PDB file of all heavy atoms in Angstrom:
ATOM      1  N   PRO A   1      17.580  21.116  -2.826  1.00  0.00           N
ATOM      2  CA  PRO A   1      18.268  20.906  -4.101  1.00  0.00           C
ATOM      3  C   PRO A   1      17.741  19.687  -4.876  1.00  0.00           C
ATOM      4  O   PRO A   1      18.519  18.852  -5.355  1.00  0.00           O
ATOM      5  CB  PRO A   1      19.722  20.694  -3.657  1.00  0.00           C
ATOM      6  CG  PRO A   1      19.589  20.006  -2.337  1.00  0.00           C
ATOM      7  CD  PRO A   1      18.375  20.609  -1.681  1.00  0.00           C
ATOM      8  N   LEU A   2      16.425  19.592  -5.013  1.00  0.00           N
ATOM      9  CA  LEU A   2      15.821  18.375  -5.570  1.00  0.00           C
ATOM     10  C   LEU A   2      14.917  18.663  -6.755  1.00  0.00           C
ATOM     11  O   LEU A   2      14.080  17.848  -7.124  1.00  0.00           O
ATOM     12  CB  LEU A   2      15.026  17.658  -4.462  1.00  0.00           C
ATOM     13  CG  LEU A   2      15.883  17.156  -3.290  1.00  0.00           C
ATOM     14  CD1 LEU A   2      15.022  16.817  -2.086  1.00  0.00           C
ATOM     15  CD2 LEU A   2      16.706  15.939  -3.727  1.00  0.00           C
ATOM     16  N   GLY A   3      15.113  19.823  -7.380  1.00  0.00           N
ATOM     17  CA  GLY A   3      14.247  20.194  -8.496  1.00  0.00           C
ATOM     18  C   GLY A   3      14.401  19.317  -9.717  1.00  0.00           C
ATOM     19  O   GLY A   3      13.498  19.268 -10.564  1.00  0.00           O
ATOM     20  N   LEU A   4      15.527  18.614  -9.853  1.00  0.00           N
ATOM     21  CA  LEU A   4      15.747  17.736 -11.003  1.00  0.00           C
ATOM     22  C   LEU A   4      15.540  16.258 -10.661  1.00  0.00           C
ATOM     23  O   LEU A   4      15.787  15.388 -11.502  1.00  0.00           O
ATOM     24  CB  LEU A   4      17.151  17.942 -11.570  1.00  0.00           C
ATOM     25  CG  LEU A   4      17.443  19.353 -12.110  1.00  0.00           C
ATOM     26  CD1 LEU A   4      18.861  19.422 -12.658  1.00  0.00           C
ATOM     27  CD2 LEU A   4      16.438  19.739 -13.183  1.00  0.00           C
ATOM     28  N   ALA A   5      15.070  15.992  -9.451  1.00  0.00           N
ATOM     29  CA  ALA A   5      14.830  14.597  -9.035  1.00  0.00           C
ATOM     30  C   ALA A   5      13.458  14.149  -9.495  1.00  0.00           C
ATOM     31  O   ALA A   5      12.558  13.873  -8.696  1.00  0.00           O
ATOM     32  CB  ALA A   5      14.975  14.470  -7.523  1.00  0.00           C
ATOM     33  N   HIS A   6      13.292  14.092 -10.818  1.00  0.00           N
ATOM     34  CA  HIS A   6      11.973  13.776 -11.366  1.00  0.00           C
ATOM     35  C   HIS A   6      11.952  12.498 -12.207  1.00  0.00           C
ATOM     36  O   HIS A   6      10.922  12.168 -12.807  1.00  0.00           O
ATOM     37  CB  HIS A   6      11.456  14.948 -12.211  1.00  0.00           C
ATOM     38  CG  HIS A   6      12.446  15.464 -13.208  1.00  0.00           C
ATOM     39  ND1 HIS A   6      12.874  14.733 -14.291  1.00  0.00           N
ATOM     40  CD2 HIS A   6      13.107  16.653 -13.265  1.00  0.00           C
ATOM     41  CE1 HIS A   6      13.744  15.440 -14.981  1.00  0.00           C
ATOM     42  NE2 HIS A   6      13.907  16.613 -14.377  1.00  0.00           N
ATOM     43  N   SER A   7      13.071  11.774 -12.254  1.00  0.00           N
ATOM     44  CA  SER A   7      13.091  10.551 -13.077  1.00  0.00           C
ATOM     45  C   SER A   7      12.907   9.274 -12.253  1.00  0.00           C
ATOM     46  O   SER A   7      12.698   8.197 -12.815  1.00  0.00           O
ATOM     47  CB  SER A   7      14.401  10.464 -13.868  1.00  0.00           C
ATOM     48  OG  SER A   7      15.504  10.418 -12.985  1.00  0.00           O
ATOM     49  N   ASN A   8      12.990   9.368 -10.936  1.00  0.00           N
ATOM     50  CA  ASN A   8      12.797   8.180 -10.102  1.00  0.00           C
ATOM     51  C   ASN A   8      11.312   7.993  -9.789  1.00  0.00           C
ATOM     52  O   ASN A   8      10.493   8.884 -10.018  1.00  0.00           O
ATOM     53  CB  ASN A   8      13.605   8.286  -8.812  1.00  0.00           C
ATOM     54  CG  ASN A   8      13.077   9.351  -7.865  1.00  0.00           C
ATOM     55  OD1 ASN A   8      12.641  10.406  -8.293  1.00  0.00           O
ATOM     56  ND2 ASN A   8      13.119   9.083  -6.566  1.00  0.00           N
ATOM     57  N   ARG A   9      10.964   6.837  -9.252  1.00  0.00           N
ATOM     58  CA  ARG A   9       9.588   6.571  -8.842  1.00  0.00           C
ATOM     59  C   ARG A   9       9.608   5.791  -7.543  1.00  0.00           C
ATOM     60  O   ARG A   9      10.341   4.810  -7.393  1.00  0.00           O
ATOM     61  CB  ARG A   9       8.826   5.750  -9.903  1.00  0.00           C
ATOM     62  CG  ARG A   9       8.532   6.503 -11.188  1.00  0.00           C
ATOM     63  CD  ARG A   9       7.526   7.619 -10.953  1.00  0.00           C
ATOM     64  NE  ARG A   9       7.210   8.351 -12.170  1.00  0.00           N
ATOM     65  CZ  ARG A   9       7.881   9.383 -12.637  1.00  0.00           C
ATOM     66  NH1 ARG A   9       8.953   9.822 -11.962  1.00  0.00           N
ATOM     67  NH2 ARG A   9       7.528   9.981 -13.745  1.00  0.00           N
ATOM     68  N   ARG A  10       8.767   6.238  -6.600  1.00  0.00           N
ATOM     69  CA  ARG A  10       8.688   5.566  -5.307  1.00  0.00           C
ATOM     70  C   ARG A  10       7.218   5.373  -4.925  1.00  0.00           C
ATOM     71  O   ARG A  10       6.374   6.241  -5.184  1.00  0.00           O
ATOM     72  CB  ARG A  10       9.404   6.363  -4.220  1.00  0.00           C
ATOM     73  CG  ARG A  10      10.894   6.540  -4.479  1.00  0.00           C
ATOM     74  CD  ARG A  10      11.628   7.087  -3.278  1.00  0.00           C
ATOM     75  NE  ARG A  10      11.776   6.105  -2.212  1.00  0.00           N
ATOM     76  CZ  ARG A  10      12.729   5.180  -2.154  1.00  0.00           C
ATOM     77  NH1 ARG A  10      13.634   5.096  -3.110  1.00  0.00           N
ATOM     78  NH2 ARG A  10      12.796   4.339  -1.143  1.00  0.00           N
ATOM     79  N   SER A  11       6.941   4.229  -4.312  1.00  0.00           N
ATOM     80  CA  SER A  11       5.602   3.932  -3.800  1.00  0.00           C
ATOM     81  C   SER A  11       5.519   4.356  -2.339  1.00  0.00           C
ATOM     82  O   SER A  11       6.457   4.151  -1.565  1.00  0.00           O
ATOM     83  CB  SER A  11       5.305   2.431  -3.903  1.00  0.00           C
ATOM     84  OG  SER A  11       5.259   2.001  -5.237  1.00  0.00           O
ATOM     85  N   PHE A  12       4.392   4.930  -1.982  1.00  0.00           N
ATOM     86  CA  PHE A  12       4.074   5.271  -0.599  1.00  0.00           C
ATOM     87  C   PHE A  12       2.666   4.764  -0.319  1.00  0.00           C
ATOM     88  O   PHE A  12       1.917   4.447  -1.239  1.00  0.00           O
ATOM     89  CB  PHE A  12       4.135   6.789  -0.371  1.00  0.00           C
ATOM     90  CG  PHE A  12       5.451   7.411  -0.723  1.00  0.00           C
ATOM     91  CD1 PHE A  12       5.687   7.947  -1.995  1.00  0.00           C
ATOM     92  CD2 PHE A  12       6.475   7.479   0.205  1.00  0.00           C
ATOM     93  CE1 PHE A  12       6.906   8.511  -2.327  1.00  0.00           C
ATOM     94  CE2 PHE A  12       7.689   8.051  -0.108  1.00  0.00           C
ATOM     95  CZ  PHE A  12       7.910   8.577  -1.379  1.00  0.00           C
ATOM     96  N   VAL A  13       2.299   4.735   0.958  1.00  0.00           N
ATOM     97  CA  VAL A  13       0.910   4.397   1.277  1.00  0.00           C
ATOM     98  C   VAL A  13       0.416   5.325   2.372  1.00  0.00           C
ATOM     99  O   VAL A  13       1.074   5.486   3.416  1.00  0.00           O
ATOM    100  CB  VAL A  13       0.740   2.910   1.683  1.00  0.00           C
ATOM    101  CG1 VAL A  13       1.486   2.563   2.968  1.00  0.00           C
ATOM    102  CG2 VAL A  13      -0.739   2.571   1.808  1.00  0.00           C
ATOM    103  N   GLY A  14      -0.711   5.972   2.117  1.00  0.00           N
ATOM    104  CA  GLY A  14      -1.338   6.816   3.118  1.00  0.00           C
ATOM    105  C   GLY A  14      -1.902   5.962   4.239  1.00  0.00           C
ATOM    106  O   GLY A  14      -2.334   4.821   4.041  1.00  0.00           O
ATOM    107  N   LEU A  15      -1.900   6.515   5.436  1.00  0.00           N
ATOM    108  CA  LEU A  15      -2.370   5.795   6.620  1.00  0.00           C
ATOM    109  C   LEU A  15      -3.778   5.253   6.419  1.00  0.00           C
ATOM    110  O   LEU A  15      -4.067   4.089   6.747  1.00  0.00           O
ATOM    111  CB  LEU A  15      -2.333   6.733   7.829  1.00  0.00           C
ATOM    112  CG  LEU A  15      -2.823   6.176   9.167  1.00  0.00           C
ATOM    113  CD1 LEU A  15      -1.966   4.998   9.605  1.00  0.00           C
ATOM    114  CD2 LEU A  15      -2.810   7.276  10.221  1.00  0.00           C
ATOM    115  N   ASP A  16      -4.683   6.059   5.874  1.00  0.00           N
ATOM    116  CA  ASP A  16      -6.068   5.601   5.697  1.00  0.00           C
ATOM    117  C   ASP A  16      -6.170   4.466   4.688  1.00  0.00           C
ATOM    118  O   ASP A  16      -7.018   3.580   4.832  1.00  0.00           O
ATOM    119  CB  ASP A  16      -6.952   6.779   5.283  1.00  0.00           C
ATOM    120  CG  ASP A  16      -7.093   7.802   6.399  1.00  0.00           C
ATOM    121  OD1 ASP A  16      -7.335   7.398   7.542  1.00  0.00           O
ATOM    122  OD2 ASP A  16      -6.970   9.003   6.122  1.00  0.00           O
ATOM    123  N   ASN A  17      -5.312   4.474   3.674  1.00  0.00           N
ATOM    124  CA  ASN A  17      -5.328   3.382   2.700  1.00  0.00           C
ATOM    125  C   ASN A  17      -4.822   2.081   3.322  1.00  0.00           C
ATOM    126  O   ASN A  17      -5.379   1.004   3.089  1.00  0.00           O
ATOM    127  CB  ASN A  17      -4.495   3.746   1.474  1.00  0.00           C
ATOM    128  CG  ASN A  17      -5.185   4.750   0.580  1.00  0.00           C
ATOM    129  OD1 ASN A  17      -6.418   4.869   0.596  1.00  0.00           O
ATOM    130  ND2 ASN A  17      -4.424   5.485  -0.199  1.00  0.00           N
ATOM    131  N   LEU A  18      -3.766   2.165   4.133  1.00  0.00           N
ATOM    132  CA  LEU A  18      -3.265   0.966   4.792  1.00  0.00           C
ATOM    133  C   LEU A  18      -4.292   0.412   5.767  1.00  0.00           C
ATOM    134  O   LEU A  18      -4.554  -0.806   5.795  1.00  0.00           O
ATOM    135  CB  LEU A  18      -1.958   1.268   5.528  1.00  0.00           C
ATOM    136  CG  LEU A  18      -1.369   0.109   6.336  1.00  0.00           C
ATOM    137  CD1 LEU A  18      -1.111  -1.107   5.456  1.00  0.00           C
ATOM    138  CD2 LEU A  18      -0.089   0.545   7.042  1.00  0.00           C
ATOM    139  N   VAL A  19      -4.910   1.282   6.552  1.00  0.00           N
ATOM    140  CA  VAL A  19      -5.929   0.833   7.509  1.00  0.00           C
ATOM    141  C   VAL A  19      -7.099   0.194   6.774  1.00  0.00           C
ATOM    142  O   VAL A  19      -7.625  -0.844   7.206  1.00  0.00           O
ATOM    143  CB  VAL A  19      -6.394   2.019   8.382  1.00  0.00           C
ATOM    144  CG1 VAL A  19      -7.684   1.683   9.126  1.00  0.00           C
ATOM    145  CG2 VAL A  19      -5.297   2.394   9.371  1.00  0.00           C
ATOM    146  N   ASP A  20      -7.503   0.775   5.669  1.00  0.00           N
ATOM    147  CA  ASP A  20      -8.606   0.201   4.897  1.00  0.00           C
ATOM    148  C   ASP A  20      -8.260  -1.205   4.408  1.00  0.00           C
ATOM    149  O   ASP A  20      -9.099  -2.121   4.470  1.00  0.00           O
ATOM    150  CB  ASP A  20      -8.937   1.112   3.708  1.00  0.00           C
ATOM    151  CG  ASP A  20     -10.233   0.723   3.026  1.00  0.00           C
ATOM    152  OD1 ASP A  20     -11.314   1.055   3.548  1.00  0.00           O
ATOM    153  OD2 ASP A  20     -10.174   0.059   1.963  1.00  0.00           O
ATOM    154  N   LEU A  21      -7.039  -1.392   3.930  1.00  0.00           N
ATOM    155  CA  LEU A  21      -6.638  -2.728   3.478  1.00  0.00           C
ATOM    156  C   LEU A  21      -6.595  -3.709   4.639  1.00  0.00           C
ATOM    157  O   LEU A  21      -7.036  -4.855   4.506  1.00  0.00           O
ATOM    158  CB  LEU A  21      -5.285  -2.683   2.778  1.00  0.00           C
ATOM    159  CG  LEU A  21      -4.802  -4.054   2.314  1.00  0.00           C
ATOM    160  CD1 LEU A  21      -5.689  -4.606   1.203  1.00  0.00           C
ATOM    161  CD2 LEU A  21      -3.351  -4.016   1.869  1.00  0.00           C
ATOM    162  N   LEU A  22      -6.087  -3.292   5.795  1.00  0.00           N
ATOM    163  CA  LEU A  22      -6.019  -4.201   6.938  1.00  0.00           C
ATOM    164  C   LEU A  22      -7.418  -4.627   7.377  1.00  0.00           C
ATOM    165  O   LEU A  22      -7.641  -5.800   7.713  1.00  0.00           O
ATOM    166  CB  LEU A  22      -5.283  -3.531   8.098  1.00  0.00           C
ATOM    167  CG  LEU A  22      -3.791  -3.264   7.874  1.00  0.00           C
ATOM    168  CD1 LEU A  22      -3.192  -2.515   9.066  1.00  0.00           C
ATOM    169  CD2 LEU A  22      -3.041  -4.560   7.609  1.00  0.00           C
ATOM    170  N   CYS A  23      -8.363  -3.699   7.346  1.00  0.00           N
ATOM    171  CA  CYS A  23      -9.748  -4.066   7.684  1.00  0.00           C
ATOM    172  C   CYS A  23     -10.301  -5.066   6.675  1.00  0.00           C
ATOM    173  O   CYS A  23     -11.011  -6.013   7.044  1.00  0.00           O
ATOM    174  CB  CYS A  23     -10.619  -2.803   7.717  1.00  0.00           C
ATOM    175  SG  CYS A  23     -10.277  -1.722   9.123  1.00  0.00           S
ATOM    176  N   THR A  24      -9.971  -4.877   5.408  1.00  0.00           N
ATOM    177  CA  THR A  24     -10.401  -5.823   4.373  1.00  0.00           C
ATOM    178  C   THR A  24      -9.791  -7.197   4.622  1.00  0.00           C
ATOM    179  O   THR A  24     -10.463  -8.234   4.515  1.00  0.00           O
ATOM    180  CB  THR A  24     -10.003  -5.311   2.984  1.00  0.00           C
ATOM    181  OG1 THR A  24     -10.609  -4.042   2.751  1.00  0.00           O
ATOM    182  CG2 THR A  24     -10.430  -6.282   1.883  1.00  0.00           C
ATOM    183  N   CYS A  25      -8.514  -7.225   4.983  1.00  0.00           N
ATOM    184  CA  CYS A  25      -7.814  -8.485   5.206  1.00  0.00           C
ATOM    185  C   CYS A  25      -8.333  -9.246   6.419  1.00  0.00           C
ATOM    186  O   CYS A  25      -8.182 -10.470   6.498  1.00  0.00           O
ATOM    187  CB  CYS A  25      -6.317  -8.230   5.368  1.00  0.00           C
ATOM    188  SG  CYS A  25      -5.479  -7.757   3.844  1.00  0.00           S
ATOM    189  N   LEU A  26      -8.943  -8.556   7.354  1.00  0.00           N
ATOM    190  CA  LEU A  26      -9.502  -9.228   8.535  1.00  0.00           C
ATOM    191  C   LEU A  26     -10.664 -10.131   8.192  1.00  0.00           C
ATOM    192  O   LEU A  26     -10.877 -11.141   8.868  1.00  0.00           O
ATOM    193  CB  LEU A  26      -9.938  -8.181   9.566  1.00  0.00           C
ATOM    194  CG  LEU A  26      -8.850  -7.614  10.463  1.00  0.00           C
ATOM    195  CD1 LEU A  26      -9.373  -6.421  11.254  1.00  0.00           C
ATOM    196  CD2 LEU A  26      -8.325  -8.690  11.413  1.00  0.00           C
ATOM    197  N   GLU A  27     -11.414  -9.782   7.153  1.00  0.00           N
ATOM    198  CA  GLU A  27     -12.661 -10.504   6.912  1.00  0.00           C
ATOM    199  C   GLU A  27     -12.803 -11.123   5.521  1.00  0.00           C
ATOM    200  O   GLU A  27     -13.597 -12.039   5.342  1.00  0.00           O
ATOM    201  CB  GLU A  27     -13.834  -9.540   7.139  1.00  0.00           C
ATOM    202  CG  GLU A  27     -13.952  -9.043   8.570  1.00  0.00           C
ATOM    203  CD  GLU A  27     -15.292  -8.403   8.848  1.00  0.00           C
ATOM    204  OE1 GLU A  27     -15.567  -7.332   8.278  1.00  0.00           O
ATOM    205  OE2 GLU A  27     -16.071  -8.995   9.617  1.00  0.00           O
ATOM    206  N   HIS A  28     -12.061 -10.649   4.551  1.00  0.00           N
ATOM    207  CA  HIS A  28     -12.263 -11.137   3.186  1.00  0.00           C
ATOM    208  C   HIS A  28     -11.850 -12.601   3.072  1.00  0.00           C
ATOM    209  O   HIS A  28     -10.719 -12.965   3.426  1.00  0.00           O
ATOM    210  CB  HIS A  28     -11.448 -10.293   2.211  1.00  0.00           C
ATOM    211  CG  HIS A  28     -11.913 -10.387   0.796  1.00  0.00           C
ATOM    212  ND1 HIS A  28     -11.895 -11.556   0.067  1.00  0.00           N
ATOM    213  CD2 HIS A  28     -12.426  -9.431  -0.032  1.00  0.00           C
ATOM    214  CE1 HIS A  28     -12.363 -11.323  -1.144  1.00  0.00           C
ATOM    215  NE2 HIS A  28     -12.693 -10.051  -1.234  1.00  0.00           N
ATOM    216  N   PRO A  29     -12.723 -13.466   2.560  1.00  0.00           N
ATOM    217  CA  PRO A  29     -12.389 -14.895   2.464  1.00  0.00           C
ATOM    218  C   PRO A  29     -11.149 -15.167   1.618  1.00  0.00           C
ATOM    219  O   PRO A  29     -10.382 -16.086   1.919  1.00  0.00           O
ATOM    220  CB  PRO A  29     -13.643 -15.509   1.819  1.00  0.00           C
ATOM    221  CG  PRO A  29     -14.735 -14.542   2.100  1.00  0.00           C
ATOM    222  CD  PRO A  29     -14.111 -13.192   2.114  1.00  0.00           C
ATOM    223  N   ALA A  30     -10.950 -14.369   0.564  1.00  0.00           N
ATOM    224  CA  ALA A  30      -9.834 -14.622  -0.346  1.00  0.00           C
ATOM    225  C   ALA A  30      -8.489 -14.153   0.207  1.00  0.00           C
ATOM    226  O   ALA A  30      -7.448 -14.417  -0.396  1.00  0.00           O
ATOM    227  CB  ALA A  30     -10.098 -13.941  -1.693  1.00  0.00           C
ATOM    228  N   ALA A  31      -8.492 -13.452   1.344  1.00  0.00           N
ATOM    229  CA  ALA A  31      -7.237 -12.952   1.905  1.00  0.00           C
ATOM    230  C   ALA A  31      -6.426 -14.033   2.598  1.00  0.00           C
ATOM    231  O   ALA A  31      -5.211 -13.903   2.765  1.00  0.00           O
ATOM    232  CB  ALA A  31      -7.519 -11.824   2.889  1.00  0.00           C
ATOM    233  N   ALA A  32      -7.087 -15.118   2.998  1.00  0.00           N
ATOM    234  CA  ALA A  32      -6.408 -16.163   3.773  1.00  0.00           C
ATOM    235  C   ALA A  32      -5.221 -16.738   3.023  1.00  0.00           C
ATOM    236  O   ALA A  32      -5.322 -17.086   1.834  1.00  0.00           O
ATOM    237  CB  ALA A  32      -7.395 -17.274   4.114  1.00  0.00           C
ATOM    238  N   ASN A  33      -4.094 -16.822   3.709  1.00  0.00           N
ATOM    239  CA  ASN A  33      -2.871 -17.439   3.198  1.00  0.00           C
ATOM    240  C   ASN A  33      -2.323 -16.735   1.961  1.00  0.00           C
ATOM    241  O   ASN A  33      -1.773 -17.377   1.064  1.00  0.00           O
ATOM    242  CB  ASN A  33      -3.105 -18.930   2.939  1.00  0.00           C
ATOM    243  CG  ASN A  33      -3.644 -19.625   4.168  1.00  0.00           C
ATOM    244  OD1 ASN A  33      -3.083 -19.500   5.256  1.00  0.00           O
ATOM    245  ND2 ASN A  33      -4.747 -20.338   4.032  1.00  0.00           N
ATOM    246  N   GLN A  34      -2.455 -15.415   1.960  1.00  0.00           N
ATOM    247  CA  GLN A  34      -1.962 -14.600   0.860  1.00  0.00           C
ATOM    248  C   GLN A  34      -0.939 -13.582   1.378  1.00  0.00           C
ATOM    249  O   GLN A  34      -0.943 -13.212   2.559  1.00  0.00           O
ATOM    250  CB  GLN A  34      -3.104 -13.842   0.188  1.00  0.00           C
ATOM    251  CG  GLN A  34      -4.117 -14.736  -0.519  1.00  0.00           C
ATOM    252  CD  GLN A  34      -3.600 -15.273  -1.839  1.00  0.00           C
ATOM    253  OE1 GLN A  34      -2.670 -14.734  -2.430  1.00  0.00           O
ATOM    254  NE2 GLN A  34      -4.200 -16.354  -2.298  1.00  0.00           N
ATOM    255  N   THR A  35      -0.100 -13.109   0.462  1.00  0.00           N
ATOM    256  CA  THR A  35       0.823 -12.014   0.723  1.00  0.00           C
ATOM    257  C   THR A  35       0.429 -10.846  -0.166  1.00  0.00           C
ATOM    258  O   THR A  35       0.264 -11.025  -1.380  1.00  0.00           O
ATOM    259  CB  THR A  35       2.278 -12.422   0.431  1.00  0.00           C
ATOM    260  OG1 THR A  35       2.642 -13.508   1.302  1.00  0.00           O
ATOM    261  CG2 THR A  35       3.233 -11.256   0.645  1.00  0.00           C
ATOM    262  N   PHE A  36       0.296  -9.668   0.426  1.00  0.00           N
ATOM    263  CA  PHE A  36      -0.183  -8.510  -0.326  1.00  0.00           C
ATOM    264  C   PHE A  36       0.796  -7.347  -0.225  1.00  0.00           C
ATOM    265  O   PHE A  36       1.239  -6.981   0.867  1.00  0.00           O
ATOM    266  CB  PHE A  36      -1.539  -8.041   0.222  1.00  0.00           C
ATOM    267  CG  PHE A  36      -2.651  -9.036   0.054  1.00  0.00           C
ATOM    268  CD1 PHE A  36      -3.322  -9.526   1.165  1.00  0.00           C
ATOM    269  CD2 PHE A  36      -3.015  -9.495  -1.202  1.00  0.00           C
ATOM    270  CE1 PHE A  36      -4.355 -10.443   1.022  1.00  0.00           C
ATOM    271  CE2 PHE A  36      -4.045 -10.423  -1.360  1.00  0.00           C
ATOM    272  CZ  PHE A  36      -4.719 -10.888  -0.239  1.00  0.00           C
ATOM    273  N   MET A  37       1.105  -6.771  -1.374  1.00  0.00           N
ATOM    274  CA  MET A  37       1.785  -5.485  -1.421  1.00  0.00           C
ATOM    275  C   MET A  37       0.704  -4.413  -1.333  1.00  0.00           C
ATOM    276  O   MET A  37      -0.425  -4.611  -1.774  1.00  0.00           O
ATOM    277  CB  MET A  37       2.574  -5.320  -2.730  1.00  0.00           C
ATOM    278  CG  MET A  37       3.435  -6.521  -3.123  1.00  0.00           C
ATOM    279  SD  MET A  37       4.649  -7.006  -1.890  1.00  0.00           S
ATOM    280  CE  MET A  37       5.852  -5.690  -2.078  1.00  0.00           C
ATOM    281  N   VAL A  38       1.070  -3.265  -0.767  1.00  0.00           N
ATOM    282  CA  VAL A  38       0.084  -2.192  -0.634  1.00  0.00           C
ATOM    283  C   VAL A  38       0.761  -0.855  -0.913  1.00  0.00           C
ATOM    284  O   VAL A  38       1.917  -0.634  -0.544  1.00  0.00           O
ATOM    285  CB  VAL A  38      -0.570  -2.193   0.770  1.00  0.00           C
ATOM    286  CG1 VAL A  38       0.462  -2.013   1.867  1.00  0.00           C
ATOM    287  CG2 VAL A  38      -1.649  -1.119   0.870  1.00  0.00           C
ATOM    288  N   SER A  39       0.045   0.034  -1.591  1.00  0.00           N
ATOM    289  CA  SER A  39       0.505   1.398  -1.821  1.00  0.00           C
ATOM    290  C   SER A  39      -0.701   2.240  -2.189  1.00  0.00           C
ATOM    291  O   SER A  39      -1.832   1.745  -2.243  1.00  0.00           O
ATOM    292  CB  SER A  39       1.556   1.456  -2.941  1.00  0.00           C
ATOM    293  OG  SER A  39       0.941   1.370  -4.221  1.00  0.00           O
TER     294      SER A  39
END
């Protein structure tokens, strides 16, 4: 019963996208002491 649930918006993150960001955070110099949102 969700055919009219089209006005909201939600962020999700695919597993491969999260893993890619974590690999980036392991080595990127600018990642140190930062907080990152991901989606």
